[in-house]
Amino acid sequence: MAAKQKLRAFLEPEKVLRLQEMLQAGEISEGECREALKRMMLQGLARQQARRRGSTGWSFGHWFAKHAQGL
C-alpha cells in the first residue's frame, strides 16, 4: 500500500486532469489511460532518482576539490 502512495506522489495534477477529460470525451480507452498514468509515475520516479544520484556525485566532487588541494 505504501508503494502505491509513493508512486502517486509523482503524478502531476494538470496532466491527470487532462487524461481524465480525454477519457470522458472518449478520445482514449481506460487501458490507455492506465498505461499513461503508469508511465507518468515511472518518469517521475526516474527523475527523482537521477537527481539523487547527481547530488551525491556533486557533493563528493565538491568535497574532493575543497579538501584534496594538498595531495
PDB file of N, CA and C in Angstrom:
ATOM      1  N   MET A   1       0.812  -1.194   0.000  1.00  0.00           N
ATOM      2  CA  MET A   1       0.000   0.000   0.000  1.00  0.00           C
ATOM      3  C   MET A   1       0.858   1.263   0.000  1.00  0.00           C
ATOM      4  N   ALA A   2       1.928   1.271   0.765  1.00  0.00           N
ATOM      5  CA  ALA A   2       2.783   2.455   0.852  1.00  0.00           C
ATOM      6  C   ALA A   2       3.455   2.747  -0.487  1.00  0.00           C
ATOM      7  N   ALA A   3       3.817   1.707  -1.224  1.00  0.00           N
ATOM      8  CA  ALA A   3       4.468   1.910  -2.519  1.00  0.00           C
ATOM      9  C   ALA A   3       3.523   2.621  -3.488  1.00  0.00           C
ATOM     10  N   LYS A   4       2.234   2.262  -3.454  1.00  0.00           N
ATOM     11  CA  LYS A   4       1.264   2.922  -4.334  1.00  0.00           C
ATOM     12  C   LYS A   4       1.169   4.406  -4.005  1.00  0.00           C
ATOM     13  N   GLN A   5       1.128   4.737  -2.719  1.00  0.00           N
ATOM     14  CA  GLN A   5       1.015   6.130  -2.325  1.00  0.00           C
ATOM     15  C   GLN A   5       2.256   6.908  -2.729  1.00  0.00           C
ATOM     16  N   LYS A   6       3.430   6.311  -2.619  1.00  0.00           N
ATOM     17  CA  LYS A   6       4.654   6.998  -3.007  1.00  0.00           C
ATOM     18  C   LYS A   6       4.680   7.262  -4.502  1.00  0.00           C
ATOM     19  N   LEU A   7       4.275   6.288  -5.295  1.00  0.00           N
ATOM     20  CA  LEU A   7       4.276   6.470  -6.743  1.00  0.00           C
ATOM     21  C   LEU A   7       3.242   7.505  -7.173  1.00  0.00           C
ATOM     22  N   ARG A   8       2.120   7.547  -6.488  1.00  0.00           N
ATOM     23  CA  ARG A   8       1.092   8.534  -6.839  1.00  0.00           C
ATOM     24  C   ARG A   8       1.572   9.959  -6.613  1.00  0.00           C
ATOM     25  N   ALA A   9       2.542  10.139  -5.758  1.00  0.00           N
ATOM     26  CA  ALA A   9       3.077  11.474  -5.498  1.00  0.00           C
ATOM     27  C   ALA A   9       3.757  12.054  -6.738  1.00  0.00           C
ATOM     28  N   PHE A  10       4.136  11.210  -7.691  1.00  0.00           N
ATOM     29  CA  PHE A  10       4.822  11.676  -8.893  1.00  0.00           C
ATOM     30  C   PHE A  10       3.853  12.128  -9.988  1.00  0.00           C
ATOM     31  N   LEU A  11       2.557  11.981  -9.767  1.00  0.00           N
ATOM     32  CA  LEU A  11       1.586  12.404 -10.768  1.00  0.00           C
ATOM     33  C   LEU A  11       1.407  13.916 -10.713  1.00  0.00           C
ATOM     34  N   GLU A  12       1.397  14.528 -11.872  1.00  0.00           N
ATOM     35  CA  GLU A  12       1.185  15.971 -11.960  1.00  0.00           C
ATOM     36  C   GLU A  12      -0.313  16.212 -12.155  1.00  0.00           C
ATOM     37  N   PRO A  13      -0.938  16.984 -11.260  1.00  0.00           N
ATOM     38  CA  PRO A  13      -2.401  17.154 -11.287  1.00  0.00           C
ATOM     39  C   PRO A  13      -2.957  17.640 -12.629  1.00  0.00           C
ATOM     40  N   GLU A  14      -2.256  18.570 -13.287  1.00  0.00           N
ATOM     41  CA  GLU A  14      -2.791  19.087 -14.557  1.00  0.00           C
ATOM     42  C   GLU A  14      -2.788  18.006 -15.643  1.00  0.00           C
ATOM     43  N   LYS A  15      -1.786  17.134 -15.625  1.00  0.00           N
ATOM     44  CA  LYS A  15      -1.748  16.049 -16.617  1.00  0.00           C
ATOM     45  C   LYS A  15      -2.819  15.010 -16.321  1.00  0.00           C
ATOM     46  N   VAL A  16      -3.059  14.742 -15.044  1.00  0.00           N
ATOM     47  CA  VAL A  16      -4.106  13.788 -14.666  1.00  0.00           C
ATOM     48  C   VAL A  16      -5.467  14.322 -15.078  1.00  0.00           C
ATOM     49  N   LEU A  17      -5.701  15.611 -14.873  1.00  0.00           N
ATOM     50  CA  LEU A  17      -6.974  16.208 -15.280  1.00  0.00           C
ATOM     51  C   LEU A  17      -7.165  16.122 -16.787  1.00  0.00           C
ATOM     52  N   ARG A  18      -6.098  16.376 -17.532  1.00  0.00           N
ATOM     53  CA  ARG A  18      -6.168  16.280 -19.000  1.00  0.00           C
ATOM     54  C   ARG A  18      -6.504  14.855 -19.431  1.00  0.00           C
ATOM     55  N   LEU A  19      -5.875  13.867 -18.789  1.00  0.00           N
ATOM     56  CA  LEU A  19      -6.178  12.472 -19.111  1.00  0.00           C
ATOM     57  C   LEU A  19      -7.630  12.146 -18.788  1.00  0.00           C
ATOM     58  N   GLN A  20      -8.121  12.651 -17.652  1.00  0.00           N
ATOM     59  CA  GLN A  20      -9.499  12.411 -17.257  1.00  0.00           C
ATOM     60  C   GLN A  20     -10.468  13.011 -18.278  1.00  0.00           C
ATOM     61  N   GLU A  21     -10.161  14.207 -18.750  1.00  0.00           N
ATOM     62  CA  GLU A  21     -11.004  14.843 -19.768  1.00  0.00           C
ATOM     63  C   GLU A  21     -11.013  14.026 -21.054  1.00  0.00           C
ATOM     64  N   MET A  22      -9.833  13.556 -21.457  1.00  0.00           N
ATOM     65  CA  MET A  22      -9.734  12.755 -22.685  1.00  0.00           C
ATOM     66  C   MET A  22     -10.508  11.452 -22.539  1.00  0.00           C
ATOM     67  N   LEU A  23     -10.458  10.857 -21.354  1.00  0.00           N
ATOM     68  CA  LEU A  23     -11.170   9.605 -21.092  1.00  0.00           C
ATOM     69  C   LEU A  23     -12.677   9.842 -21.158  1.00  0.00           C
ATOM     70  N   GLN A  24     -13.154  10.902 -20.536  1.00  0.00           N
ATOM     71  CA  GLN A  24     -14.590  11.198 -20.540  1.00  0.00           C
ATOM     72  C   GLN A  24     -15.083  11.558 -21.932  1.00  0.00           C
ATOM     73  N   ALA A  25     -14.223  12.165 -22.748  1.00  0.00           N
ATOM     74  CA  ALA A  25     -14.608  12.537 -24.113  1.00  0.00           C
ATOM     75  C   ALA A  25     -14.554  11.344 -25.059  1.00  0.00           C
ATOM     76  N   GLY A  26     -13.988  10.239 -24.597  1.00  0.00           N
ATOM     77  CA  GLY A  26     -13.904   9.045 -25.433  1.00  0.00           C
ATOM     78  C   GLY A  26     -12.709   9.043 -26.370  1.00  0.00           C
ATOM     79  N   GLU A  27     -11.762   9.945 -26.159  1.00  0.00           N
ATOM     80  CA  GLU A  27     -10.583  10.025 -27.019  1.00  0.00           C
ATOM     81  C   GLU A  27      -9.614   8.880 -26.742  1.00  0.00           C
ATOM     82  N   ILE A  28      -9.592   8.397 -25.500  1.00  0.00           N
ATOM     83  CA  ILE A  28      -8.722   7.277 -25.127  1.00  0.00           C
ATOM     84  C   ILE A  28      -9.539   6.267 -24.332  1.00  0.00           C
ATOM     85  N   SER A  29      -9.051   5.033 -24.301  1.00  0.00           N
ATOM     86  CA  SER A  29      -9.738   3.987 -23.541  1.00  0.00           C
ATOM     87  C   SER A  29      -9.212   3.954 -22.103  1.00  0.00           C
ATOM     88  N   GLU A  30      -9.872   3.180 -21.245  1.00  0.00           N
ATOM     89  CA  GLU A  30      -9.429   3.053 -19.858  1.00  0.00           C
ATOM     90  C   GLU A  30      -8.028   2.455 -19.782  1.00  0.00           C
ATOM     91  N   GLY A  31      -7.750   1.487 -20.623  1.00  0.00           N
ATOM     92  CA  GLY A  31      -6.428   0.851 -20.645  1.00  0.00           C
ATOM     93  C   GLY A  31      -5.331   1.827 -21.022  1.00  0.00           C
ATOM     94  N   GLU A  32      -5.612   2.647 -22.032  1.00  0.00           N
ATOM     95  CA  GLU A  32      -4.637   3.663 -22.444  1.00  0.00           C
ATOM     96  C   GLU A  32      -4.405   4.681 -21.341  1.00  0.00           C
ATOM     97  N   CYS A  33      -5.476   5.043 -20.649  1.00  0.00           N
ATOM     98  CA  CYS A  33      -5.356   5.991 -19.541  1.00  0.00           C
ATOM     99  C   CYS A  33      -4.494   5.395 -18.430  1.00  0.00           C
ATOM    100  N   ARG A  34      -4.741   4.145 -18.096  1.00  0.00           N
ATOM    101  CA  ARG A  34      -3.959   3.464 -17.067  1.00  0.00           C
ATOM    102  C   ARG A  34      -2.484   3.403 -17.433  1.00  0.00           C
ATOM    103  N   GLU A  35      -2.210   3.074 -18.684  1.00  0.00           N
ATOM    104  CA  GLU A  35      -0.822   2.987 -19.135  1.00  0.00           C
ATOM    105  C   GLU A  35      -0.137   4.358 -19.089  1.00  0.00           C
ATOM    106  N   ALA A  36      -0.861   5.399 -19.455  1.00  0.00           N
ATOM    107  CA  ALA A  36      -0.297   6.748 -19.412  1.00  0.00           C
ATOM    108  C   ALA A  36       0.016   7.150 -17.969  1.00  0.00           C
ATOM    109  N   LEU A  37      -0.872   6.807 -17.044  1.00  0.00           N
ATOM    110  CA  LEU A  37      -0.635   7.113 -15.632  1.00  0.00           C
ATOM    111  C   LEU A  37       0.587   6.361 -15.113  1.00  0.00           C
ATOM    112  N   LYS A  38       0.704   5.098 -15.475  1.00  0.00           N
ATOM    113  CA  LYS A  38       1.874   4.311 -15.058  1.00  0.00           C
ATOM    114  C   LYS A  38       3.159   4.926 -15.592  1.00  0.00           C
ATOM    115  N   ARG A  39       3.124   5.318 -16.857  1.00  0.00           N
ATOM    116  CA  ARG A  39       4.295   5.911 -17.490  1.00  0.00           C
ATOM    117  C   ARG A  39       4.685   7.224 -16.799  1.00  0.00           C
ATOM    118  N   MET A  40       3.685   8.040 -16.452  1.00  0.00           N
ATOM    119  CA  MET A  40       3.955   9.301 -15.770  1.00  0.00           C
ATOM    120  C   MET A  40       4.582   9.057 -14.393  1.00  0.00           C
ATOM    121  N   MET A  41       4.081   8.044 -13.671  1.00  0.00           N
ATOM    122  CA  MET A  41       4.630   7.748 -12.346  1.00  0.00           C
ATOM    123  C   MET A  41       6.080   7.281 -12.461  1.00  0.00           C
ATOM    124  N   LEU A  42       6.348   6.414 -13.426  1.00  0.00           N
ATOM    125  CA  LEU A  42       7.706   5.900 -13.595  1.00  0.00           C
ATOM    126  C   LEU A  42       8.668   6.983 -14.052  1.00  0.00           C
ATOM    127  N   GLN A  43       8.218   7.896 -14.896  1.00  0.00           N
ATOM    128  CA  GLN A  43       9.077   9.002 -15.327  1.00  0.00           C
ATOM    129  C   GLN A  43       9.408   9.910 -14.150  1.00  0.00           C
ATOM    130  N   GLY A  44       8.444  10.171 -13.299  1.00  0.00           N
ATOM    131  CA  GLY A  44       8.684  10.991 -12.118  1.00  0.00           C
ATOM    132  C   GLY A  44       9.660  10.326 -11.169  1.00  0.00           C
ATOM    133  N   LEU A  45       9.517   9.018 -11.004  1.00  0.00           N
ATOM    134  CA  LEU A  45      10.433   8.268 -10.153  1.00  0.00           C
ATOM    135  C   LEU A  45      11.841   8.291 -10.727  1.00  0.00           C
ATOM    136  N   ALA A  46      11.965   8.126 -12.035  1.00  0.00           N
ATOM    137  CA  ALA A  46      13.283   8.151 -12.684  1.00  0.00           C
ATOM    138  C   ALA A  46      13.946   9.520 -12.527  1.00  0.00           C
ATOM    139  N   ARG A  47      13.158  10.604 -12.657  1.00  0.00           N
ATOM    140  CA  ARG A  47      13.713  11.948 -12.471  1.00  0.00           C
ATOM    141  C   ARG A  47      14.234  12.144 -11.054  1.00  0.00           C
ATOM    142  N   GLN A  48      13.470  11.661 -10.073  1.00  0.00           N
ATOM    143  CA  GLN A  48      13.891  11.815  -8.683  1.00  0.00           C
ATOM    144  C   GLN A  48      15.179  11.031  -8.429  1.00  0.00           C
ATOM    145  N   GLN A  49      15.263   9.820  -8.939  1.00  0.00           N
ATOM    146  CA  GLN A  49      16.462   9.009  -8.733  1.00  0.00           C
ATOM    147  C   GLN A  49      17.663   9.629  -9.427  1.00  0.00           C
ATOM    148  N   ALA A  50      17.462  10.236 -10.592  1.00  0.00           N
ATOM    149  CA  ALA A  50      18.561  10.895 -11.298  1.00  0.00           C
ATOM    150  C   ALA A  50      19.057  12.098 -10.499  1.00  0.00           C
ATOM    151  N   ARG A  51      18.129  12.843  -9.907  1.00  0.00           N
ATOM    152  CA  ARG A  51      18.539  13.983  -9.079  1.00  0.00           C
ATOM    153  C   ARG A  51      19.324  13.500  -7.872  1.00  0.00           C
ATOM    154  N   ARG A  52      18.881  12.403  -7.275  1.00  0.00           N
ATOM    155  CA  ARG A  52      19.572  11.869  -6.104  1.00  0.00           C
ATOM    156  C   ARG A  52      20.994  11.449  -6.456  1.00  0.00           C
ATOM    157  N   ARG A  53      21.135  10.738  -7.560  1.00  0.00           N
ATOM    158  CA  ARG A  53      22.465  10.284  -7.980  1.00  0.00           C
ATOM    159  C   ARG A  53      23.355  11.477  -8.291  1.00  0.00           C
ATOM    160  N   GLY A  54      22.806  12.462  -8.962  1.00  0.00           N
ATOM    161  CA  GLY A  54      23.583  13.634  -9.335  1.00  0.00           C
ATOM    162  C   GLY A  54      24.026  14.432  -8.123  1.00  0.00           C
ATOM    163  N   SER A  55      23.171  14.535  -7.134  1.00  0.00           N
ATOM    164  CA  SER A  55      23.525  15.346  -5.973  1.00  0.00           C
ATOM    165  C   SER A  55      24.613  14.679  -5.154  1.00  0.00           C
ATOM    166  N   THR A  56      24.600  13.354  -5.037  1.00  0.00           N
ATOM    167  CA  THR A  56      25.648  12.694  -4.258  1.00  0.00           C
ATOM    168  C   THR A  56      26.981  12.795  -4.988  1.00  0.00           C
ATOM    169  N   GLY A  57      26.962  12.707  -6.312  1.00  0.00           N
ATOM    170  CA  GLY A  57      28.193  12.846  -7.072  1.00  0.00           C
ATOM    171  C   GLY A  57      28.762  14.245  -6.950  1.00  0.00           C
ATOM    172  N   TRP A  58      27.896  15.262  -6.983  1.00  0.00           N
ATOM    173  CA  TRP A  58      28.354  16.637  -6.860  1.00  0.00           C
ATOM    174  C   TRP A  58      28.922  16.875  -5.470  1.00  0.00           C
ATOM    175  N   SER A  59      28.278  16.307  -4.452  1.00  0.00           N
ATOM    176  CA  SER A  59      28.750  16.509  -3.083  1.00  0.00           C
ATOM    177  C   SER A  59      30.157  15.957  -2.922  1.00  0.00           C
ATOM    178  N   PHE A  60      30.383  14.766  -3.435  1.00  0.00           N
ATOM    179  CA  PHE A  60      31.712  14.185  -3.321  1.00  0.00           C
ATOM    180  C   PHE A  60      32.718  14.997  -4.123  1.00  0.00           C
ATOM    181  N   GLY A  61      32.349  15.405  -5.337  1.00  0.00           N
ATOM    182  CA  GLY A  61      33.257  16.190  -6.163  1.00  0.00           C
ATOM    183  C   GLY A  61      33.598  17.523  -5.508  1.00  0.00           C
ATOM    184  N   HIS A  62      32.610  18.139  -4.891  1.00  0.00           N
ATOM    185  CA  HIS A  62      32.820  19.404  -4.192  1.00  0.00           C
ATOM    186  C   HIS A  62      33.752  19.192  -2.995  1.00  0.00           C
ATOM    187  N   TRP A  63      33.484  18.145  -2.230  1.00  0.00           N
ATOM    188  CA  TRP A  63      34.326  17.849  -1.064  1.00  0.00           C
ATOM    189  C   TRP A  63      35.759  17.572  -1.503  1.00  0.00           C
ATOM    190  N   PHE A  64      35.908  16.767  -2.558  1.00  0.00           N
ATOM    191  CA  PHE A  64      37.227  16.389  -3.036  1.00  0.00           C
ATOM    192  C   PHE A  64      38.003  17.623  -3.504  1.00  0.00           C
ATOM    193  N   ALA A  65      37.332  18.496  -4.246  1.00  0.00           N
ATOM    194  CA  ALA A  65      38.011  19.705  -4.736  1.00  0.00           C
ATOM    195  C   ALA A  65      38.421  20.608  -3.577  1.00  0.00           C
ATOM    196  N   LYS A  66      37.630  20.641  -2.532  1.00  0.00           N
ATOM    197  CA  LYS A  66      37.901  21.516  -1.416  1.00  0.00           C
ATOM    198  C   LYS A  66      39.019  20.980  -0.507  1.00  0.00           C
ATOM    199  N   HIS A  67      39.067  19.653  -0.308  1.00  0.00           N
ATOM    200  CA  HIS A  67      39.980  19.066   0.682  1.00  0.00           C
ATOM    201  C   HIS A  67      41.199  18.383   0.084  1.00  0.00           C
ATOM    202  N   ALA A  68      41.249  18.200  -1.204  1.00  0.00           N
ATOM    203  CA  ALA A  68      42.350  17.445  -1.784  1.00  0.00           C
ATOM    204  C   ALA A  68      43.384  18.353  -2.450  1.00  0.00           C
ATOM    205  N   GLN A  69      43.450  19.592  -2.080  1.00  0.00           N
ATOM    206  CA  GLN A  69      44.392  20.502  -2.710  1.00  0.00           C
ATOM    207  C   GLN A  69      45.852  20.156  -2.379  1.00  0.00           C
ATOM    208  N   GLY A  70      46.081  19.614  -1.200  1.00  0.00           N
ATOM    209  CA  GLY A  70      47.450  19.296  -0.803  1.00  0.00           C
ATOM    210  C   GLY A  70      47.960  17.945  -1.295  1.00  0.00           C
ATOM    211  N   LEU A  71      47.116  17.174  -1.976  1.00  0.00           N
ATOM    212  CA  LEU A  71      47.530  15.838  -2.433  1.00  0.00           C
ATOM    213  C   LEU A  71      48.431  15.880  -3.635  1.00  0.00           C
TER     214      LEU A  71
END
